[in-house]
Structure formats: structure tokens, C-alpha cells
Amino acid sequence: MGIRISPASVRSLLAATLLLGIAAAGSQSQAQSFQPRPQGGISGALLPNERHLWTYDSAAGKYVEVPGDASGEYTPNLRKPGKPLTFAFAEGWAAIPFSVSINKGIYRIAKDLGINIIYCDQEFKPEKAVTCAEQLSQQKPDFAVVSNWQSGAAEAIMKIYDAAKIPVVTIDVWHPDAIFFGADNYISGEIGGKAAGTYAKGLGKCGDVTLFNGVNPGEGDAAAQRIAGFLDGVQEICGAIPADRIKSEIFDAGTTEQALTKTTDWLTANPGASFILSTSIDDARSAGIAKALAQSGRDGAAVGLGCDEIGVAATKEGDPATTKFLGCVAYFPEKYPDYVMSIGLDVLDGKPVPNEVHIEHRFLDKASIASVYP
């Protein structure tokens, strides 16, 4: 593997080159000079050639690597099990639409296949995630679907499931000794970034772009790759953005309200940011950014990541020039249950499963969203 240069380093080098007058002027030459560099080796965001096939060693209580190619697409295979099974479902946060879609699908599939579900809502709280792991593992399920989105609790949670010898699939946040299922984080962000860059380019605004993003280190490195992909995607279209025009704020509450408040404060403190392109880790926070832009009368747009109920509603609401919500990158949460339930059945049947399974993504705007979400 060659030397890896971070996107921030690339931007700094390009900015310095431009100041020295070495690089060609103009947005087109900038776009050609920017090279996106998805970072490998990040658990929960492994590149296809970095993934491995796993089977579960029930005697040892952990997954083991087996020979084979894990780089291809995983196809769900739902079927009725040959014996009664109980799956634990530790829900990420029952109060948000994204999680509601997953919840409904898991219960629907379980009913169709005759699988018993035991349940606990982790409420987006690390301490509750640990409590749920203790409560669920004591009931001795055959398999666990864990949607914990607080990476700081991941190790503690998995010590509990591993001690109980319960195989686990996690949703959207990597945990040690668990199969990861969820977003292709960097790619989804890059898709959204390209859409935002194309929007700016069409308005002749690439030279005015400021990138502002809502981040949360507590949700882990894999989730942070969504933001990295967005930054790269915009710059693939618009060219390298100077480092002093790439900004972020921590949105750790996971709510539209916090994103609206913190973005409004940032806009007030940065009146010189003339055209703002933004995203955050999910639709709720991106919708808060868009509302702040609209209420403050500022130019630009936000892109949602997920296309849950909030993202779909914001995309359908109106013209992005008014709403400041350009569209959303679909994560298809309604499809998550097909994958995690199938993974559970495959693991219990002794079939090899990739240690990471990622869903494909698509950008949806006002013109296209009704074709997917009528």
C-alpha cells in the first residue's frame, strides 16, 4: 500500500500551490487536480478488498475468519428456520423515524418467519446500551441485532454478548467481534457531496463555497467517513476548497433542534460565508442546518443522509432555493431488516458472511424522490 495523504493535507497542498501561482487557475483545473482518497483500514468502513468472510464459533463464543472472497455484494436470503429461534433486538433509539423503519421491518419479518423477538430500547444513551445488553443476554437469545449508535459503549456491550456466547450483527456503528451492517459511509457522503457540488457549479458558486458540517466523534470513525466523503465529493466537482473555508460544529444530541441552534449561532458568527454547503450524520441534523440557512436568509444548501421520514419530507417540501434542503442520500432503512435478519439466519446455519455488509445508496431530490417514496 502506498503512502496515504489525508484529504486535509491534499487541500492544504493545493491551496499553497495556488498561492504560489503554480497551478492553473479556474474551477475546472481545480476540480481536475483534486483527488479523492477514501481512507482504508477503518472498521465499519472497510474497502471491499479489506473485508473477510466470517463464521461463528459457538464453542469459543466469537467469529472466526474463513477462506473466501468477501468483496462482492451480500444478497439477503430470508427463510423460515428449521427450529424455534429467538433474536434479541437492541434498538438504537425508538423515538426517531430512521429507527422506526428498522423496528417495523424486524417485527414484520420475525412474524412471517416465526422468530421470537426480545426487545430493549437503548435510547441513544451509552449507559442504556449496556443495560440492554445485560438484560437481553440474560434471556439467552440465539442471535442479537444491536443498533447501538454510541461507539464509546461498543466494547463494553460486546464483552457482555461475547461472555454469553451470543453472535451479534450491529447497525451503522462498528463493534468488536460483531458483523457490521449499514451504510457505505464514505460513498454515501461522497454521493451527497457531488450533488451539492453540482448544485453550486450550476449556480456559478463554486468559487464562493464554504463547507460547514455537523459532526459527532461519539458516533465513531465510520460515521465520520460520511463527512469525509461529503467534503471530497464537493471538491471533486468544484475543486479544492481552502482549508479556512472548511468548518464543523459538534452536533451530539442527534436532533434537528440542536442543529438549528448551533448552525444559527455559527452563521451569526460567520457573516462572510456567502455560499454554504452542508451535511451532517443524518437527516434530522441536516434538516436543522437547512432551517438555519433559510431562517437566516443565507445562500447555500444542506444535504440529508438517510432519507428517513424527516429527509423525505424536507426533500418534498419545496424548491431548494427556498427550503435550503437539496435532497437526501437514501440509506433505505426499510431494507435494513431484510439484511440483518438474513445475516442472523446465515450465521446460525454456519454459512460464511462478510464481516462487513454495506447497503447501496442513491441521491434523491425533489424531482426523483416520489419514484422511491411516493
Protein backbone atom coordinates (compact mmCIF):
# COMPACT_ATOMS: atom_id res chain seq x y z
CA MET A 1 0.00 0.00 0.00
CA GLY A 2 1.36 3.45 -0.92
CA ILE A 3 1.66 6.47 1.29
CA ARG A 4 -1.80 7.76 2.28
CA ILE A 5 -2.34 11.51 2.27
CA SER A 6 -5.39 12.77 4.14
CA PRO A 7 -7.97 14.96 2.37
CA ALA A 8 -7.00 17.84 4.67
CA SER A 9 -3.36 17.53 3.59
CA VAL A 10 -4.35 17.47 -0.05
CA ARG A 11 -6.41 20.62 0.40
CA SER A 12 -3.55 22.37 2.15
CA LEU A 13 -1.07 21.43 -0.57
CA LEU A 14 -3.41 22.60 -3.31
CA ALA A 15 -4.09 25.88 -1.55
CA ALA A 16 -0.38 26.54 -1.17
CA THR A 17 0.23 25.67 -4.81
CA LEU A 18 -2.43 28.08 -5.95
CA LEU A 19 -0.96 30.86 -3.83
CA LEU A 20 2.43 30.27 -5.39
CA GLY A 21 0.89 30.55 -8.84
CA ILE A 22 2.00 27.09 -9.93
CA ALA A 23 -1.42 25.52 -10.52
CA ALA A 24 -3.66 26.60 -13.36
CA ALA A 25 -6.41 28.98 -12.46
CA GLY A 26 -10.11 28.30 -12.73
CA SER A 27 -12.57 25.90 -11.15
CA GLN A 28 -12.21 23.33 -13.94
CA SER A 29 -8.48 22.87 -13.42
CA GLN A 30 -9.01 22.78 -9.64
CA ALA A 31 -11.57 20.01 -10.00
CA GLN A 32 -9.20 18.03 -12.17
CA SER A 33 -6.39 18.42 -9.63
CA PHE A 34 -8.41 17.25 -6.62
CA GLN A 35 -8.04 13.54 -5.99
CA PRO A 36 -10.46 11.93 -3.51
CA ARG A 37 -8.73 9.47 -1.21
CA PRO A 38 -11.10 7.20 0.69
CA GLN A 39 -9.24 6.03 3.76
CA GLY A 40 -8.79 2.30 4.18
CA GLY A 41 -8.40 0.35 7.38
CA ILE A 42 -11.36 1.91 9.21
CA SER A 43 -13.55 -0.69 10.87
CA GLY A 44 -17.13 -0.17 9.78
CA ALA A 45 -15.89 1.48 6.60
CA LEU A 46 -13.55 -1.16 5.19
CA LEU A 47 -12.87 -1.04 1.47
CA PRO A 48 -14.18 -4.11 -0.43
CA ASN A 49 -10.72 -5.72 -0.71
CA GLU A 50 -10.20 -5.36 3.05
CA ARG A 51 -13.25 -7.40 4.06
CA HIS A 52 -13.21 -11.05 5.18
CA LEU A 53 -15.64 -13.94 5.48
CA TRP A 54 -16.62 -14.98 8.99
CA THR A 55 -18.39 -17.89 10.62
CA TYR A 56 -19.38 -18.10 14.26
CA ASP A 57 -17.56 -20.49 16.58
CA SER A 58 -20.27 -21.21 19.16
CA ALA A 59 -17.88 -23.12 21.43
CA ALA A 60 -15.44 -20.20 21.62
CA GLY A 61 -18.18 -17.57 21.51
CA LYS A 62 -16.65 -15.49 18.72
CA TYR A 63 -16.43 -15.09 14.96
CA VAL A 64 -13.52 -16.66 13.08
CA GLU A 65 -12.18 -15.83 9.64
CA VAL A 66 -12.61 -18.44 6.89
CA PRO A 67 -11.22 -18.53 3.33
CA GLY A 68 -13.17 -16.90 0.52
CA ASP A 69 -13.99 -13.63 -1.25
CA ALA A 70 -15.93 -11.12 0.84
CA SER A 71 -15.73 -8.22 -1.62
CA GLY A 72 -18.94 -8.98 -3.50
CA GLU A 73 -22.50 -7.89 -2.78
CA TYR A 74 -24.37 -9.70 0.01
CA THR A 75 -27.86 -10.82 -1.03
CA PRO A 76 -30.41 -11.37 1.76
CA ASN A 77 -31.96 -14.84 1.91
CA LEU A 78 -34.90 -14.83 4.27
CA ARG A 79 -36.39 -18.25 5.08
CA LYS A 80 -38.17 -19.99 7.92
CA PRO A 81 -35.69 -21.55 10.33
CA GLY A 82 -35.70 -25.28 10.90
CA LYS A 83 -36.14 -24.87 14.65
CA PRO A 84 -37.56 -22.23 17.01
CA LEU A 85 -35.26 -19.21 17.31
CA THR A 86 -35.15 -16.12 19.49
CA PHE A 87 -33.49 -12.93 18.26
CA ALA A 88 -32.64 -10.06 20.58
CA PHE A 89 -33.26 -6.60 19.17
CA ALA A 90 -31.48 -3.74 20.95
CA GLU A 91 -32.99 -0.73 19.17
CA GLY A 92 -30.86 2.37 18.65
CA TRP A 93 -33.45 5.00 19.52
CA ALA A 94 -37.16 4.25 19.17
CA ALA A 95 -38.03 7.96 19.08
CA ILE A 96 -36.54 8.70 15.63
CA PRO A 97 -38.04 7.85 12.22
CA PHE A 98 -34.92 6.07 10.92
CA SER A 99 -35.11 3.58 13.78
CA VAL A 100 -38.87 3.20 13.48
CA SER A 101 -38.43 1.89 9.92
CA ILE A 102 -35.98 -0.74 11.16
CA ASN A 103 -38.21 -1.69 14.07
CA LYS A 104 -41.28 -2.24 11.92
CA GLY A 105 -39.39 -4.40 9.44
CA ILE A 106 -37.76 -6.60 12.08
CA TYR A 107 -41.08 -7.37 13.74
CA ARG A 108 -42.79 -7.97 10.38
CA ILE A 109 -40.12 -10.42 9.23
CA ALA A 110 -39.99 -12.14 12.61
CA LYS A 111 -43.74 -12.70 12.49
CA ASP A 112 -43.58 -14.07 8.94
CA LEU A 113 -40.73 -16.45 9.77
CA GLY A 114 -41.89 -17.50 13.23
CA ILE A 115 -38.90 -15.96 15.05
CA ASN A 116 -39.39 -14.74 18.61
CA ILE A 117 -38.12 -11.22 19.36
CA ILE A 118 -36.96 -9.95 22.74
CA TYR A 119 -36.53 -6.18 22.86
CA CYS A 120 -34.82 -3.24 24.55
CA ASP A 121 -34.66 0.44 23.50
CA GLN A 122 -31.14 1.85 24.02
CA GLU A 123 -32.42 5.45 23.68
CA PHE A 124 -29.16 6.72 22.11
CA LYS A 125 -27.57 6.52 25.57
CA PRO A 126 -24.35 4.56 26.20
CA GLU A 127 -25.34 3.54 29.73
CA LYS A 128 -28.73 2.29 28.50
CA ALA A 129 -27.00 0.33 25.73
CA VAL A 130 -25.00 -1.56 28.37
CA THR A 131 -28.14 -2.18 30.43
CA CYS A 132 -29.94 -3.52 27.37
CA ALA A 133 -27.04 -5.87 26.61
CA GLU A 134 -27.19 -7.23 30.16
CA GLN A 135 -30.97 -7.67 30.12
CA LEU A 136 -31.12 -9.27 26.68
CA SER A 137 -28.14 -11.60 27.13
CA GLN A 138 -29.62 -12.97 30.36
CA GLN A 139 -32.57 -14.22 28.29
CA LYS A 140 -30.18 -16.33 26.17
CA PRO A 141 -31.26 -15.41 22.62
CA ASP A 142 -29.81 -17.31 19.68
CA PHE A 143 -28.71 -14.11 17.93
CA ALA A 144 -28.67 -10.37 18.62
CA VAL A 145 -29.34 -7.38 16.36
CA VAL A 146 -27.68 -4.43 18.11
CA SER A 147 -28.34 -0.93 16.88
CA ASN A 148 -26.13 0.91 19.36
CA TRP A 149 -25.02 4.26 17.88
CA GLN A 150 -22.74 5.28 20.74
CA SER A 151 -19.31 3.93 19.83
CA GLY A 152 -17.97 4.59 23.32
CA ALA A 153 -20.18 1.79 24.64
CA ALA A 154 -19.27 -0.72 21.92
CA GLU A 155 -16.51 -2.55 23.78
CA ALA A 156 -18.50 -2.88 27.00
CA ILE A 157 -21.53 -4.14 25.12
CA MET A 158 -19.62 -6.78 23.23
CA LYS A 159 -17.91 -8.10 26.37
CA ILE A 160 -21.40 -8.93 27.62
CA TYR A 161 -22.58 -10.65 24.43
CA ASP A 162 -19.26 -12.46 23.98
CA ALA A 163 -19.35 -13.78 27.55
CA ALA A 164 -22.85 -15.12 26.88
CA LYS A 165 -21.67 -16.60 23.53
CA ILE A 166 -24.31 -14.76 21.51
CA PRO A 167 -23.44 -13.85 17.90
CA VAL A 168 -24.17 -10.23 17.02
CA VAL A 169 -24.79 -8.03 13.99
CA THR A 170 -24.55 -4.29 14.61
CA ILE A 171 -26.20 -1.47 12.67
CA ASP A 172 -24.22 1.54 11.38
CA VAL A 173 -21.58 1.60 14.15
CA TRP A 174 -18.74 -0.90 14.32
CA HIS A 175 -18.35 -3.11 17.40
CA PRO A 176 -15.53 -5.58 18.10
CA ASP A 177 -16.36 -9.23 17.30
CA ALA A 178 -19.64 -8.33 15.58
CA ILE A 179 -20.68 -8.32 11.95
CA PHE A 180 -21.16 -4.73 10.79
CA PHE A 181 -24.18 -3.90 8.66
CA GLY A 182 -25.11 -0.47 7.44
CA ALA A 183 -24.19 2.49 5.35
CA ASP A 184 -21.27 2.57 2.96
CA ASN A 185 -20.30 5.67 4.86
CA TYR A 186 -17.66 7.31 2.68
CA ILE A 187 -19.50 6.52 -0.57
CA SER A 188 -22.82 7.84 0.74
CA GLY A 189 -21.19 11.08 1.81
CA GLU A 190 -19.38 11.37 -1.50
CA ILE A 191 -22.66 10.94 -3.40
CA GLY A 192 -24.19 13.76 -1.36
CA GLY A 193 -21.13 15.93 -1.82
CA LYS A 194 -21.17 15.52 -5.59
CA ALA A 195 -24.85 16.52 -5.64
CA ALA A 196 -24.08 19.61 -3.57
CA GLY A 197 -21.07 20.50 -5.72
CA THR A 198 -23.13 20.11 -8.89
CA TYR A 199 -25.76 22.43 -7.42
CA ALA A 200 -23.13 25.07 -6.63
CA LYS A 201 -21.49 24.71 -10.04
CA GLY A 202 -24.81 25.16 -11.80
CA LEU A 203 -25.25 28.46 -9.98
CA GLY A 204 -21.69 29.57 -10.70
CA LYS A 205 -20.92 29.49 -6.96
CA CYS A 206 -18.05 27.00 -6.69
CA GLY A 207 -15.58 29.79 -6.01
CA ASP A 208 -17.70 31.04 -3.09
CA VAL A 209 -18.32 27.73 -1.32
CA THR A 210 -17.82 27.34 2.42
CA LEU A 211 -18.23 23.80 3.72
CA PHE A 212 -19.98 23.56 7.09
CA ASN A 213 -20.74 20.17 8.63
CA GLY A 214 -22.28 18.81 11.81
CA VAL A 215 -20.05 16.11 13.29
CA ASN A 216 -20.11 13.87 16.36
CA PRO A 217 -16.94 11.96 17.30
CA GLY A 218 -19.01 9.89 19.72
CA GLU A 219 -20.58 8.03 16.82
CA GLY A 220 -17.24 6.65 15.68
CA ASP A 221 -14.73 6.82 12.84
CA ALA A 222 -17.00 5.05 10.37
CA ALA A 223 -19.74 7.66 10.75
CA ALA A 224 -17.10 10.38 10.39
CA GLN A 225 -16.37 8.96 6.94
CA ARG A 226 -19.76 10.28 5.81
CA ILE A 227 -18.45 13.79 6.37
CA ALA A 228 -15.09 12.98 4.75
CA GLY A 229 -16.91 11.64 1.70
CA PHE A 230 -19.09 14.76 1.50
CA LEU A 231 -16.06 17.04 1.62
CA ASP A 232 -14.36 15.07 -1.13
CA GLY A 233 -17.50 14.87 -3.26
CA VAL A 234 -17.98 18.64 -3.29
CA GLN A 235 -14.34 19.19 -4.20
CA GLU A 236 -14.43 16.60 -6.99
CA ILE A 237 -16.94 18.93 -8.66
CA CYS A 238 -15.85 22.38 -7.51
CA GLY A 239 -12.14 21.89 -6.98
CA ALA A 240 -10.15 22.15 -3.78
CA ILE A 241 -11.72 24.35 -1.11
CA PRO A 242 -9.24 26.36 1.01
CA ALA A 243 -8.82 24.92 4.49
CA ASP A 244 -10.08 28.13 6.12
CA ARG A 245 -13.44 27.60 4.39
CA ILE A 246 -13.99 24.08 5.75
CA LYS A 247 -15.76 24.29 9.11
CA SER A 248 -17.61 21.99 11.50
CA GLU A 249 -19.54 22.01 14.75
CA ILE A 250 -20.29 19.12 17.09
CA PHE A 251 -23.94 18.02 16.92
CA ASP A 252 -24.01 15.37 19.63
CA ALA A 253 -27.68 15.42 20.61
CA GLY A 254 -28.83 13.85 17.34
CA THR A 255 -31.69 16.33 16.98
CA THR A 256 -32.94 18.88 14.49
CA GLU A 257 -33.32 21.41 17.29
CA GLN A 258 -29.68 21.32 18.37
CA ALA A 259 -28.50 21.51 14.76
CA LEU A 260 -30.76 24.51 14.12
CA THR A 261 -29.50 26.35 17.20
CA LYS A 262 -25.80 25.64 16.71
CA THR A 263 -25.91 26.39 12.97
CA THR A 264 -27.71 29.67 13.60
CA ASP A 265 -25.03 30.64 16.10
CA TRP A 266 -22.30 29.72 13.62
CA LEU A 267 -23.96 31.71 10.82
CA THR A 268 -24.21 34.74 13.07
CA ALA A 269 -20.51 34.46 13.90
CA ASN A 270 -19.51 33.97 10.22
CA PRO A 271 -21.32 36.61 8.12
CA GLY A 272 -18.67 36.37 5.39
CA ALA A 273 -19.61 32.78 4.44
CA SER A 274 -21.50 33.63 1.26
CA PHE A 275 -22.47 30.21 -0.14
CA ILE A 276 -22.66 27.34 2.34
CA LEU A 277 -22.83 23.63 1.52
CA SER A 278 -23.55 21.38 4.46
CA THR A 279 -24.39 17.96 5.73
CA SER A 280 -24.44 16.04 9.00
CA ILE A 281 -24.60 12.42 10.09
CA ASP A 282 -28.33 12.03 9.48
CA ASP A 283 -31.40 13.73 8.06
CA ALA A 284 -32.57 15.21 11.36
CA ARG A 285 -29.40 17.22 11.83
CA SER A 286 -29.12 18.18 8.16
CA ALA A 287 -32.72 19.43 8.30
CA GLY A 288 -31.74 21.64 11.23
CA ILE A 289 -28.88 23.11 9.18
CA ALA A 290 -31.25 23.81 6.28
CA LYS A 291 -33.75 25.52 8.57
CA ALA A 292 -31.00 27.73 9.98
CA LEU A 293 -29.89 28.72 6.47
CA ALA A 294 -33.47 29.53 5.44
CA GLN A 295 -34.35 31.43 8.61
CA SER A 296 -31.11 33.42 8.43
CA GLY A 297 -31.61 34.29 4.76
CA ARG A 298 -28.26 32.75 3.81
CA ASP A 299 -27.30 31.26 0.46
CA GLY A 300 -26.48 27.58 0.04
CA ALA A 301 -27.98 24.16 0.76
CA ALA A 302 -27.82 21.15 3.05
CA VAL A 303 -27.88 17.50 2.02
CA GLY A 304 -29.51 14.87 4.20
CA LEU A 305 -28.04 11.44 4.79
CA GLY A 306 -30.55 8.64 5.22
CA CYS A 307 -33.84 9.61 3.51
CA ASP A 308 -35.86 8.71 6.60
CA GLU A 309 -39.23 10.38 7.16
CA ILE A 310 -37.56 13.68 8.02
CA GLY A 311 -35.34 13.62 4.94
CA VAL A 312 -38.16 12.63 2.61
CA ALA A 313 -40.45 15.36 3.97
CA ALA A 314 -37.73 18.00 3.73
CA THR A 315 -36.89 16.98 0.16
CA LYS A 316 -40.54 17.16 -0.91
CA GLU A 317 -41.17 20.45 0.89
CA GLY A 318 -40.26 22.80 -1.93
CA ASP A 319 -37.61 24.45 -4.06
CA PRO A 320 -34.13 24.09 -2.50
CA ALA A 321 -33.54 27.77 -3.24
CA THR A 322 -36.20 28.44 -0.59
CA THR A 323 -36.01 25.46 1.76
CA LYS A 324 -32.19 25.16 1.58
CA PHE A 325 -32.61 21.35 1.65
CA LEU A 326 -31.21 19.98 -1.61
CA GLY A 327 -32.23 16.35 -1.15
CA CYS A 328 -31.07 13.25 0.67
CA VAL A 329 -28.85 10.25 0.06
CA ALA A 330 -31.05 7.19 0.52
CA TYR A 331 -29.88 4.62 3.07
CA PHE A 332 -33.13 2.67 2.66
CA PRO A 333 -33.68 1.92 6.38
CA GLU A 334 -36.77 -0.05 5.41
CA LYS A 335 -34.39 -2.57 3.79
CA TYR A 336 -32.13 -2.94 6.84
CA PRO A 337 -34.31 -5.63 8.46
CA ASP A 338 -34.04 -7.90 5.40
CA TYR A 339 -30.26 -7.83 5.73
CA VAL A 340 -29.81 -8.16 9.49
CA MET A 341 -32.40 -10.92 9.84
CA SER A 342 -30.87 -12.80 6.90
CA ILE A 343 -27.38 -12.37 8.36
CA GLY A 344 -28.64 -13.85 11.63
CA LEU A 345 -30.11 -16.88 9.86
CA ASP A 346 -26.92 -17.39 7.84
CA VAL A 347 -24.71 -17.17 10.92
CA LEU A 348 -26.85 -19.68 12.82
CA ASP A 349 -26.80 -22.02 9.81
CA GLY A 350 -22.99 -21.89 9.79
CA LYS A 351 -22.76 -20.05 6.49
CA PRO A 352 -19.84 -17.65 5.87
CA VAL A 353 -20.88 -13.99 5.99
CA PRO A 354 -18.73 -10.91 5.22
CA ASN A 355 -17.51 -9.21 8.38
CA GLU A 356 -18.95 -6.00 6.89
CA VAL A 357 -22.08 -5.74 4.76
CA HIS A 358 -22.87 -2.36 3.21
CA ILE A 359 -26.04 -1.16 1.53
CA GLU A 360 -26.03 0.71 -1.79
CA HIS A 361 -27.01 4.38 -1.88
CA ARG A 362 -28.75 6.83 -4.20
CA PHE A 363 -29.23 10.61 -4.12
CA LEU A 364 -32.87 11.71 -4.30
CA ASP A 365 -34.02 15.27 -4.97
CA LYS A 366 -37.46 16.85 -5.30
CA ALA A 367 -37.79 15.59 -8.87
CA SER A 368 -36.90 11.97 -8.13
CA ILE A 369 -37.93 11.22 -4.56
CA ALA A 370 -41.55 10.35 -5.28
CA SER A 371 -40.39 7.50 -7.53
CA VAL A 372 -38.94 5.80 -4.44
CA TYR A 373 -41.05 7.27 -1.62
CA PRO A 374 -44.48 8.22 -3.07
